[in-house]
Amino acid sequence: MTTTHSDIPSVLQRIVATKVEEVKAARAALSLADLKAQVAAANKPRRGFAAALRAASTENNGVGIIAEIKKASPSKGIINHNFTPALFAQQYEQAGASCLSVLTDRDYFQGDDTYLIQAANVSSLPILRKDFMIDVYQIYQSYLMGADCILLIMACLDDTQVQELHALSIELGMDVLIEVHTQSELERALQLPRSAHNIYGINNRDLNTFEVSLQTTLDLKNLLIEALAADTDDTASTPLIVTESGIHSSDDIRLMLSHDIQHFLIGEQFMKTDHPGQALQSLLASVAVDE
């Protein structure tokens, strides 16, 4: 049988298939019931990821940076060869980051759960667990790790899954970064209950092809604002919108600011340097000069 391009699983499909097996192994090692018991006993306060982003709107020239701790990616390979999560977390906080994002996916991003724990132990900044959430088990895990926010990628979740994971995250007091890349994903995301815990992430990178276009944020941001404005039942405050991927310079940030996008998730641009915190500080300084 001839294999066509459409028969070849995308990167995202391969990641999700791996994640299914990963969760299965974790459940075998520690039951969901036992994990829930650990969560109930922990009673750890969250640090307010969404609140930190809202506060950033009046600081750093109105720029809120979610600074990412990421060792590698499927498209770039190893990005930082002197990878020290705790050190980078401290650097980012000193440099003016509003929040942190820590990659915990092992197989494709060379991340680890311990990286988030290390960052949380040395920094007071709220932390996003950056991973591919497909199961409630991972939400409970994230809580125990000390995550203040979890990521829900609409491209790898059906409506039932995303509703369940969203509700559980909020029940546990965590904020939710709801990631979209297309209009159809955005329309599905808008079916989730409105909440002050919601953060809408617009990923400029297509997770199937890994191609990047900043126009994605500009297009979807307008659709998001229009949809929320038309929703007479919406009682939440102004939505938090984060642009993800492809932000490399003060020009990119200035472009987004001109379209009322104030929050940015940036990883590779910082992590490819020897001093990620210094790279963040320089970027914020250049934006200040531009202003």
C-alpha atoms as a PDB file:
ATOM      1  CA  MET A   1       0.000   0.000   0.000  1.00  0.00           C
ATOM      2  CA  THR A   2       1.301   3.443  -0.916  1.00  0.00           C
ATOM      3  CA  THR A   3       1.679   5.887   1.989  1.00  0.00           C
ATOM      4  CA  THR A   4       0.347   9.365   1.240  1.00  0.00           C
ATOM      5  CA  HIS A   5       1.201  12.585   3.007  1.00  0.00           C
ATOM      6  CA  SER A   6      -2.175  12.534   4.770  1.00  0.00           C
ATOM      7  CA  ASP A   7      -1.370   9.084   6.206  1.00  0.00           C
ATOM      8  CA  ILE A   8       1.683  10.388   8.044  1.00  0.00           C
ATOM      9  CA  PRO A   9       0.870  11.496  11.613  1.00  0.00           C
ATOM     10  CA  SER A  10       1.619  15.139  12.339  1.00  0.00           C
ATOM     11  CA  VAL A  11       4.011  16.100  15.119  1.00  0.00           C
ATOM     12  CA  LEU A  12       1.027  16.941  17.311  1.00  0.00           C
ATOM     13  CA  GLN A  13      -0.621  13.581  16.653  1.00  0.00           C
ATOM     14  CA  ARG A  14       2.580  11.766  17.584  1.00  0.00           C
ATOM     15  CA  ILE A  15       2.920  13.819  20.770  1.00  0.00           C
ATOM     16  CA  VAL A  16      -0.650  13.063  21.828  1.00  0.00           C
ATOM     17  CA  ALA A  17      -0.211   9.339  21.129  1.00  0.00           C
ATOM     18  CA  THR A  18       2.920   9.359  23.295  1.00  0.00           C
ATOM     19  CA  LYS A  19       1.095  11.288  26.009  1.00  0.00           C
ATOM     20  CA  VAL A  20      -1.667   8.674  26.131  1.00  0.00           C
ATOM     21  CA  GLU A  21       0.933   6.003  26.888  1.00  0.00           C
ATOM     22  CA  GLU A  22       2.672   8.257  29.404  1.00  0.00           C
ATOM     23  CA  VAL A  23      -0.527   8.830  31.364  1.00  0.00           C
ATOM     24  CA  LYS A  24      -1.330   5.123  31.245  1.00  0.00           C
ATOM     25  CA  ALA A  25       2.062   4.320  32.796  1.00  0.00           C
ATOM     26  CA  ALA A  26       1.631   7.009  35.466  1.00  0.00           C
ATOM     27  CA  ARG A  27      -1.784   5.646  36.431  1.00  0.00           C
ATOM     28  CA  ALA A  28      -0.297   2.161  36.750  1.00  0.00           C
ATOM     29  CA  ALA A  29       2.409   3.466  39.078  1.00  0.00           C
ATOM     30  CA  LEU A  30       0.037   5.573  41.213  1.00  0.00           C
ATOM     31  CA  SER A  31      -3.728   5.225  41.003  1.00  0.00           C
ATOM     32  CA  LEU A  32      -5.958   8.213  40.322  1.00  0.00           C
ATOM     33  CA  ALA A  33      -7.595   7.679  43.727  1.00  0.00           C
ATOM     34  CA  ASP A  34      -4.230   7.851  45.490  1.00  0.00           C
ATOM     35  CA  LEU A  35      -3.224  10.900  43.479  1.00  0.00           C
ATOM     36  CA  LYS A  36      -6.472  12.657  44.443  1.00  0.00           C
ATOM     37  CA  ALA A  37      -5.775  11.823  48.083  1.00  0.00           C
ATOM     38  CA  GLN A  38      -2.366  13.472  47.834  1.00  0.00           C
ATOM     39  CA  VAL A  39      -3.944  16.569  46.309  1.00  0.00           C
ATOM     40  CA  ALA A  40      -6.575  16.737  49.064  1.00  0.00           C
ATOM     41  CA  ALA A  41      -3.841  16.532  51.702  1.00  0.00           C
ATOM     42  CA  ALA A  42      -1.591  19.105  50.043  1.00  0.00           C
ATOM     43  CA  ASN A  43      -3.886  22.144  50.117  1.00  0.00           C
ATOM     44  CA  LYS A  44      -1.284  24.332  48.416  1.00  0.00           C
ATOM     45  CA  PRO A  45      -2.260  27.959  47.697  1.00  0.00           C
ATOM     46  CA  ARG A  46      -1.892  29.147  44.097  1.00  0.00           C
ATOM     47  CA  ARG A  47       0.010  32.302  43.190  1.00  0.00           C
ATOM     48  CA  GLY A  48      -2.432  33.864  40.719  1.00  0.00           C
ATOM     49  CA  PHE A  49      -1.144  33.540  37.161  1.00  0.00           C
ATOM     50  CA  ALA A  50      -3.982  35.512  35.548  1.00  0.00           C
ATOM     51  CA  ALA A  51      -3.797  38.144  38.281  1.00  0.00           C
ATOM     52  CA  ALA A  52      -0.080  38.643  37.626  1.00  0.00           C
ATOM     53  CA  LEU A  53      -0.755  39.216  33.934  1.00  0.00           C
ATOM     54  CA  ARG A  54      -3.476  41.734  34.706  1.00  0.00           C
ATOM     55  CA  ALA A  55      -1.107  43.569  37.044  1.00  0.00           C
ATOM     56  CA  ALA A  56       1.513  43.645  34.291  1.00  0.00           C
ATOM     57  CA  SER A  57      -0.800  45.818  32.196  1.00  0.00           C
ATOM     58  CA  THR A  58       0.276  48.772  34.348  1.00  0.00           C
ATOM     59  CA  GLU A  59       3.950  47.776  34.655  1.00  0.00           C
ATOM     60  CA  ASN A  60       6.896  47.295  32.256  1.00  0.00           C
ATOM     61  CA  ASN A  61       5.336  49.773  29.821  1.00  0.00           C
ATOM     62  CA  GLY A  62       2.211  47.646  29.799  1.00  0.00           C
ATOM     63  CA  VAL A  63       4.069  44.521  28.683  1.00  0.00           C
ATOM     64  CA  GLY A  64       3.476  41.226  30.450  1.00  0.00           C
ATOM     65  CA  ILE A  65       6.063  38.549  29.696  1.00  0.00           C
ATOM     66  CA  ILE A  66       5.555  34.857  30.379  1.00  0.00           C
ATOM     67  CA  ALA A  67       9.200  33.790  30.238  1.00  0.00           C
ATOM     68  CA  GLU A  68       9.682  30.187  29.243  1.00  0.00           C
ATOM     69  CA  ILE A  69      12.138  27.610  30.529  1.00  0.00           C
ATOM     70  CA  LYS A  70      12.616  25.190  27.636  1.00  0.00           C
ATOM     71  CA  LYS A  71      15.575  22.980  26.822  1.00  0.00           C
ATOM     72  CA  ALA A  72      14.581  21.724  23.375  1.00  0.00           C
ATOM     73  CA  SER A  73      11.808  21.494  20.799  1.00  0.00           C
ATOM     74  CA  PRO A  74      10.906  19.107  17.965  1.00  0.00           C
ATOM     75  CA  SER A  75      11.648  21.751  15.344  1.00  0.00           C
ATOM     76  CA  LYS A  76      14.892  23.172  16.795  1.00  0.00           C
ATOM     77  CA  GLY A  77      16.430  20.297  18.750  1.00  0.00           C
ATOM     78  CA  ILE A  78      18.407  21.350  21.825  1.00  0.00           C
ATOM     79  CA  ILE A  79      18.037  25.100  22.315  1.00  0.00           C
ATOM     80  CA  ASN A  80      20.036  25.571  25.504  1.00  0.00           C
ATOM     81  CA  HIS A  81      23.070  23.383  26.184  1.00  0.00           C
ATOM     82  CA  ASN A  82      23.689  24.820  29.665  1.00  0.00           C
ATOM     83  CA  PHE A  83      20.197  24.158  30.919  1.00  0.00           C
ATOM     84  CA  THR A  84      19.671  25.159  34.575  1.00  0.00           C
ATOM     85  CA  PRO A  85      15.952  25.643  35.345  1.00  0.00           C
ATOM     86  CA  ALA A  86      16.310  27.079  38.852  1.00  0.00           C
ATOM     87  CA  LEU A  87      18.917  29.614  37.749  1.00  0.00           C
ATOM     88  CA  PHE A  88      16.832  30.687  34.762  1.00  0.00           C
ATOM     89  CA  ALA A  89      13.752  31.118  36.963  1.00  0.00           C
ATOM     90  CA  GLN A  90      15.698  33.450  39.242  1.00  0.00           C
ATOM     91  CA  GLN A  91      17.114  35.373  36.275  1.00  0.00           C
ATOM     92  CA  TYR A  92      13.690  35.842  34.739  1.00  0.00           C
ATOM     93  CA  GLU A  93      12.179  37.112  37.981  1.00  0.00           C
ATOM     94  CA  GLN A  94      15.017  39.594  38.482  1.00  0.00           C
ATOM     95  CA  ALA A  95      14.705  40.757  34.870  1.00  0.00           C
ATOM     96  CA  GLY A  96      11.016  41.645  35.152  1.00  0.00           C
ATOM     97  CA  ALA A  97       9.048  38.629  33.941  1.00  0.00           C
ATOM     98  CA  SER A  98       5.421  38.566  35.050  1.00  0.00           C
ATOM     99  CA  CYS A  99       5.109  34.771  35.017  1.00  0.00           C
ATOM    100  CA  LEU A 100       7.065  31.652  34.124  1.00  0.00           C
ATOM    101  CA  SER A 101       6.316  28.796  31.747  1.00  0.00           C
ATOM    102  CA  VAL A 102       8.106  25.485  32.269  1.00  0.00           C
ATOM    103  CA  LEU A 103       8.149  22.661  29.706  1.00  0.00           C
ATOM    104  CA  THR A 104       7.572  19.310  31.375  1.00  0.00           C
ATOM    105  CA  ASP A 105       7.121  17.109  28.282  1.00  0.00           C
ATOM    106  CA  ARG A 106       9.994  14.624  28.244  1.00  0.00           C
ATOM    107  CA  ASP A 107       9.966  12.899  24.871  1.00  0.00           C
ATOM    108  CA  TYR A 108       9.674  15.859  22.523  1.00  0.00           C
ATOM    109  CA  PHE A 109      10.907  18.876  24.517  1.00  0.00           C
ATOM    110  CA  GLN A 110      13.367  17.170  26.899  1.00  0.00           C
ATOM    111  CA  GLY A 111      11.431  18.608  29.817  1.00  0.00           C
ATOM    112  CA  ASP A 112      10.725  17.110  33.219  1.00  0.00           C
ATOM    113  CA  ASP A 113       8.288  17.584  36.090  1.00  0.00           C
ATOM    114  CA  THR A 114      11.209  18.352  38.401  1.00  0.00           C
ATOM    115  CA  TYR A 115      12.079  21.437  36.335  1.00  0.00           C
ATOM    116  CA  LEU A 116       8.802  23.068  37.354  1.00  0.00           C
ATOM    117  CA  ILE A 117       9.319  22.094  40.981  1.00  0.00           C
ATOM    118  CA  GLN A 118      12.844  23.543  40.928  1.00  0.00           C
ATOM    119  CA  ALA A 119      11.572  26.813  39.460  1.00  0.00           C
ATOM    120  CA  ALA A 120       8.746  27.052  41.987  1.00  0.00           C
ATOM    121  CA  ASN A 121      11.169  26.537  44.863  1.00  0.00           C
ATOM    122  CA  VAL A 122      13.347  29.525  43.956  1.00  0.00           C
ATOM    123  CA  SER A 123      10.914  31.996  42.392  1.00  0.00           C
ATOM    124  CA  SER A 124       7.771  33.709  43.618  1.00  0.00           C
ATOM    125  CA  LEU A 125       6.436  34.127  40.074  1.00  0.00           C
ATOM    126  CA  PRO A 126       3.312  32.176  39.079  1.00  0.00           C
ATOM    127  CA  ILE A 127       4.129  29.208  36.835  1.00  0.00           C
ATOM    128  CA  LEU A 128       2.428  27.638  33.832  1.00  0.00           C
ATOM    129  CA  ARG A 129       2.913  23.918  33.372  1.00  0.00           C
ATOM    130  CA  LYS A 130       3.580  23.731  29.624  1.00  0.00           C
ATOM    131  CA  ASP A 131       2.594  20.263  28.502  1.00  0.00           C
ATOM    132  CA  PHE A 132      -0.007  18.420  26.458  1.00  0.00           C
ATOM    133  CA  MET A 133      -2.962  17.903  28.787  1.00  0.00           C
ATOM    134  CA  ILE A 134      -5.302  15.118  27.755  1.00  0.00           C
ATOM    135  CA  ASP A 135      -6.377  13.544  31.051  1.00  0.00           C
ATOM    136  CA  VAL A 136      -7.599  14.638  34.491  1.00  0.00           C
ATOM    137  CA  TYR A 137      -4.650  12.731  35.958  1.00  0.00           C
ATOM    138  CA  GLN A 138      -2.315  15.402  34.576  1.00  0.00           C
ATOM    139  CA  ILE A 139      -4.341  18.188  36.161  1.00  0.00           C
ATOM    140  CA  TYR A 140      -3.971  16.653  39.611  1.00  0.00           C
ATOM    141  CA  GLN A 141      -0.256  16.105  38.899  1.00  0.00           C
ATOM    142  CA  SER A 142       0.117  19.761  37.943  1.00  0.00           C
ATOM    143  CA  TYR A 143      -1.444  20.871  41.210  1.00  0.00           C
ATOM    144  CA  LEU A 144       0.980  18.766  43.237  1.00  0.00           C
ATOM    145  CA  MET A 145       3.952  20.108  41.274  1.00  0.00           C
ATOM    146  CA  GLY A 146       2.961  23.631  42.270  1.00  0.00           C
ATOM    147  CA  ALA A 147       1.664  24.819  38.896  1.00  0.00           C
ATOM    148  CA  ASP A 148      -0.487  27.950  39.063  1.00  0.00           C
ATOM    149  CA  CYS A 149      -1.801  27.602  35.523  1.00  0.00           C
ATOM    150  CA  ILE A 150      -2.256  24.745  33.087  1.00  0.00           C
ATOM    151  CA  LEU A 151      -2.345  24.692  29.293  1.00  0.00           C
ATOM    152  CA  LEU A 152      -5.285  23.361  27.303  1.00  0.00           C
ATOM    153  CA  ILE A 153      -4.492  23.071  23.590  1.00  0.00           C
ATOM    154  CA  MET A 154      -7.737  23.007  21.638  1.00  0.00           C
ATOM    155  CA  ALA A 155      -6.021  21.270  18.714  1.00  0.00           C
ATOM    156  CA  CYS A 156      -5.472  18.089  20.719  1.00  0.00           C
ATOM    157  CA  LEU A 157      -8.681  17.954  22.784  1.00  0.00           C
ATOM    158  CA  ASP A 158     -12.284  17.235  21.927  1.00  0.00           C
ATOM    159  CA  ASP A 159     -15.088  19.296  23.462  1.00  0.00           C
ATOM    160  CA  THR A 160     -15.842  16.803  26.228  1.00  0.00           C
ATOM    161  CA  GLN A 161     -12.188  16.578  27.255  1.00  0.00           C
ATOM    162  CA  VAL A 162     -11.615  20.315  27.321  1.00  0.00           C
ATOM    163  CA  GLN A 163     -14.767  20.963  29.348  1.00  0.00           C
ATOM    164  CA  GLU A 164     -13.718  18.382  31.947  1.00  0.00           C
ATOM    165  CA  LEU A 165     -10.108  19.553  32.216  1.00  0.00           C
ATOM    166  CA  HIS A 166     -11.132  23.219  32.329  1.00  0.00           C
ATOM    167  CA  ALA A 167     -13.654  22.633  35.128  1.00  0.00           C
ATOM    168  CA  LEU A 168     -11.253  20.566  37.231  1.00  0.00           C
ATOM    169  CA  SER A 169      -8.413  23.081  36.889  1.00  0.00           C
ATOM    170  CA  ILE A 170     -10.616  25.910  38.102  1.00  0.00           C
ATOM    171  CA  GLU A 171     -12.015  23.750  40.906  1.00  0.00           C
ATOM    172  CA  LEU A 172      -8.435  23.260  42.116  1.00  0.00           C
ATOM    173  CA  GLY A 173      -7.776  27.003  41.935  1.00  0.00           C
ATOM    174  CA  MET A 174      -5.526  26.990  38.888  1.00  0.00           C
ATOM    175  CA  ASP A 175      -5.819  29.381  35.973  1.00  0.00           C
ATOM    176  CA  VAL A 176      -6.174  28.038  32.433  1.00  0.00           C
ATOM    177  CA  LEU A 177      -4.336  29.114  29.304  1.00  0.00           C
ATOM    178  CA  ILE A 178      -6.707  28.075  26.503  1.00  0.00           C
ATOM    179  CA  GLU A 179      -4.638  27.831  23.345  1.00  0.00           C
ATOM    180  CA  VAL A 180      -6.037  28.276  19.833  1.00  0.00           C
ATOM    181  CA  HIS A 181      -4.537  28.582  16.369  1.00  0.00           C
ATOM    182  CA  THR A 182      -7.554  28.675  14.046  1.00  0.00           C
ATOM    183  CA  GLN A 183     -10.995  30.250  13.931  1.00  0.00           C
ATOM    184  CA  SER A 184     -12.676  26.890  14.489  1.00  0.00           C
ATOM    185  CA  GLU A 185     -10.542  26.249  17.583  1.00  0.00           C
ATOM    186  CA  LEU A 186     -11.429  29.715  18.875  1.00  0.00           C
ATOM    187  CA  GLU A 187     -15.132  29.085  18.355  1.00  0.00           C
ATOM    188  CA  ARG A 188     -14.834  25.856  20.349  1.00  0.00           C
ATOM    189  CA  ALA A 189     -12.842  27.608  23.090  1.00  0.00           C
ATOM    190  CA  LEU A 190     -15.588  30.187  23.448  1.00  0.00           C
ATOM    191  CA  GLN A 191     -17.998  27.415  24.417  1.00  0.00           C
ATOM    192  CA  LEU A 192     -16.118  27.062  27.711  1.00  0.00           C
ATOM    193  CA  PRO A 193     -17.655  28.821  30.722  1.00  0.00           C
ATOM    194  CA  ARG A 194     -16.490  32.403  31.148  1.00  0.00           C
ATOM    195  CA  SER A 195     -14.184  32.790  34.129  1.00  0.00           C
ATOM    196  CA  ALA A 196     -11.624  35.163  35.571  1.00  0.00           C
ATOM    197  CA  HIS A 197      -9.345  32.091  35.447  1.00  0.00           C
ATOM    198  CA  ASN A 198      -9.477  32.030  31.635  1.00  0.00           C
ATOM    199  CA  ILE A 199      -6.526  33.230  29.576  1.00  0.00           C
ATOM    200  CA  TYR A 200      -6.774  33.012  25.792  1.00  0.00           C
ATOM    201  CA  GLY A 201      -3.513  32.035  24.156  1.00  0.00           C
ATOM    202  CA  ILE A 202      -3.171  32.538  20.419  1.00  0.00           C
ATOM    203  CA  ASN A 203      -0.366  30.382  19.076  1.00  0.00           C
ATOM    204  CA  ASN A 204       1.251  31.791  15.958  1.00  0.00           C
ATOM    205  CA  ARG A 205       2.791  28.370  15.323  1.00  0.00           C
ATOM    206  CA  ASP A 206       0.788  25.692  13.572  1.00  0.00           C
ATOM    207  CA  LEU A 207       1.449  22.635  15.738  1.00  0.00           C
ATOM    208  CA  ASN A 208       1.000  20.320  12.771  1.00  0.00           C
ATOM    209  CA  THR A 209       3.442  22.032  10.396  1.00  0.00           C
ATOM    210  CA  PHE A 210       5.377  24.230  12.916  1.00  0.00           C
ATOM    211  CA  GLU A 211       5.092  27.184  10.526  1.00  0.00           C
ATOM    212  CA  VAL A 212       4.796  30.582  12.249  1.00  0.00           C
ATOM    213  CA  SER A 213       2.880  33.745  11.343  1.00  0.00           C
ATOM    214  CA  LEU A 214       2.229  36.681  13.677  1.00  0.00           C
ATOM    215  CA  GLN A 215      -0.836  37.508  11.596  1.00  0.00           C
ATOM    216  CA  THR A 216      -2.560  34.627  13.348  1.00  0.00           C
ATOM    217  CA  THR A 217      -2.741  36.616  16.585  1.00  0.00           C
ATOM    218  CA  LEU A 218      -3.976  39.763  14.866  1.00  0.00           C
ATOM    219  CA  ASP A 219      -6.751  37.911  13.044  1.00  0.00           C
ATOM    220  CA  LEU A 220      -7.973  35.763  15.930  1.00  0.00           C
ATOM    221  CA  LYS A 221      -7.733  38.561  18.488  1.00  0.00           C
ATOM    222  CA  ASN A 222     -10.318  40.574  16.581  1.00  0.00           C
ATOM    223  CA  LEU A 223     -12.641  37.582  16.303  1.00  0.00           C
ATOM    224  CA  LEU A 224     -12.251  36.886  20.024  1.00  0.00           C
ATOM    225  CA  ILE A 225     -13.067  40.454  21.045  1.00  0.00           C
ATOM    226  CA  GLU A 226     -16.070  40.577  18.716  1.00  0.00           C
ATOM    227  CA  ALA A 227     -17.418  37.285  20.018  1.00  0.00           C
ATOM    228  CA  LEU A 228     -17.088  38.274  23.664  1.00  0.00           C
ATOM    229  CA  ALA A 229     -18.602  41.703  23.029  1.00  0.00           C
ATOM    230  CA  ALA A 230     -21.611  40.038  21.410  1.00  0.00           C
ATOM    231  CA  ASP A 231     -22.101  37.717  24.365  1.00  0.00           C
ATOM    232  CA  THR A 232     -24.546  39.534  26.596  1.00  0.00           C
ATOM    233  CA  ASP A 233     -24.121  36.860  29.261  1.00  0.00           C
ATOM    234  CA  ASP A 234     -20.408  37.559  29.608  1.00  0.00           C
ATOM    235  CA  THR A 235     -19.701  39.080  33.015  1.00  0.00           C
ATOM    236  CA  ALA A 236     -15.950  38.547  33.068  1.00  0.00           C
ATOM    237  CA  SER A 237     -13.510  41.423  32.883  1.00  0.00           C
ATOM    238  CA  THR A 238     -11.580  42.324  29.741  1.00  0.00           C
ATOM    239  CA  PRO A 239     -10.220  39.044  28.398  1.00  0.00           C
ATOM    240  CA  LEU A 240      -6.569  38.223  28.893  1.00  0.00           C
ATOM    241  CA  ILE A 241      -4.986  37.484  25.525  1.00  0.00           C
ATOM    242  CA  VAL A 242      -1.476  36.062  25.186  1.00  0.00           C
ATOM    243  CA  THR A 243       0.374  35.846  21.891  1.00  0.00           C
ATOM    244  CA  GLU A 244       2.610  32.783  21.667  1.00  0.00           C
ATOM    245  CA  SER A 245       5.524  31.880  19.363  1.00  0.00           C
ATOM    246  CA  GLY A 246       7.423  34.001  16.871  1.00  0.00           C
ATOM    247  CA  ILE A 247       8.042  37.010  19.126  1.00  0.00           C
ATOM    248  CA  HIS A 248      11.715  37.838  18.583  1.00  0.00           C
ATOM    249  CA  SER A 249      12.195  41.609  18.834  1.00  0.00           C
ATOM    250  CA  SER A 250      10.910  44.913  20.180  1.00  0.00           C
ATOM    251  CA  ASP A 251       9.395  45.461  16.729  1.00  0.00           C
ATOM    252  CA  ASP A 252       7.276  42.332  17.185  1.00  0.00           C
ATOM    253  CA  ILE A 253       6.158  43.514  20.608  1.00  0.00           C
ATOM    254  CA  ARG A 254       5.433  47.003  19.332  1.00  0.00           C
ATOM    255  CA  LEU A 255       3.309  45.516  16.541  1.00  0.00           C
ATOM    256  CA  MET A 256       1.242  43.589  19.079  1.00  0.00           C
ATOM    257  CA  LEU A 257       0.928  46.550  21.434  1.00  0.00           C
ATOM    258  CA  SER A 258      -0.451  48.615  18.549  1.00  0.00           C
ATOM    259  CA  HIS A 259      -3.244  46.021  18.359  1.00  0.00           C
ATOM    260  CA  ASP A 260      -3.835  46.046  22.144  1.00  0.00           C
ATOM    261  CA  ILE A 261      -2.015  42.754  22.746  1.00  0.00           C
ATOM    262  CA  GLN A 262      -0.020  43.215  25.953  1.00  0.00           C
ATOM    263  CA  HIS A 263       0.947  39.707  26.996  1.00  0.00           C
ATOM    264  CA  PHE A 264       3.611  37.526  25.428  1.00  0.00           C
ATOM    265  CA  LEU A 265       4.844  33.980  25.924  1.00  0.00           C
ATOM    266  CA  ILE A 266       8.487  33.933  24.859  1.00  0.00           C
ATOM    267  CA  GLY A 267      10.898  31.045  25.189  1.00  0.00           C
ATOM    268  CA  GLU A 268      13.252  30.284  22.346  1.00  0.00           C
ATOM    269  CA  GLN A 269      14.404  33.889  21.930  1.00  0.00           C
ATOM    270  CA  PHE A 270      15.657  33.886  25.526  1.00  0.00           C
ATOM    271  CA  MET A 271      16.730  30.280  25.849  1.00  0.00           C
ATOM    272  CA  LYS A 272      19.075  30.309  22.872  1.00  0.00           C
ATOM    273  CA  THR A 273      21.319  32.746  24.769  1.00  0.00           C
ATOM    274  CA  ASP A 274      23.799  32.065  27.568  1.00  0.00           C
ATOM    275  CA  HIS A 275      21.857  34.322  29.948  1.00  0.00           C
ATOM    276  CA  PRO A 276      18.074  34.146  29.368  1.00  0.00           C
ATOM    277  CA  GLY A 277      17.356  36.710  32.068  1.00  0.00           C
ATOM    278  CA  GLN A 278      19.667  39.238  30.464  1.00  0.00           C
ATOM    279  CA  ALA A 279      17.982  38.633  27.107  1.00  0.00           C
ATOM    280  CA  LEU A 280      14.604  39.386  28.701  1.00  0.00           C
ATOM    281  CA  GLN A 281      15.946  42.496  30.393  1.00  0.00           C
ATOM    282  CA  SER A 282      17.392  43.765  27.099  1.00  0.00           C
ATOM    283  CA  LEU A 283      14.115  43.157  25.283  1.00  0.00           C
ATOM    284  CA  LEU A 284      12.097  45.046  27.897  1.00  0.00           C
ATOM    285  CA  ALA A 285      14.623  47.875  27.820  1.00  0.00           C
ATOM    286  CA  SER A 286      14.405  48.132  24.034  1.00  0.00           C
ATOM    287  CA  VAL A 287      10.613  48.288  24.215  1.00  0.00           C
ATOM    288  CA  ALA A 288      10.902  51.085  26.771  1.00  0.00           C
ATOM    289  CA  VAL A 289      13.197  53.018  24.432  1.00  0.00           C
ATOM    290  CA  ASP A 290      10.786  52.491  21.553  1.00  0.00           C
ATOM    291  CA  GLU A 291       7.964  53.845  23.684  1.00  0.00           C
END
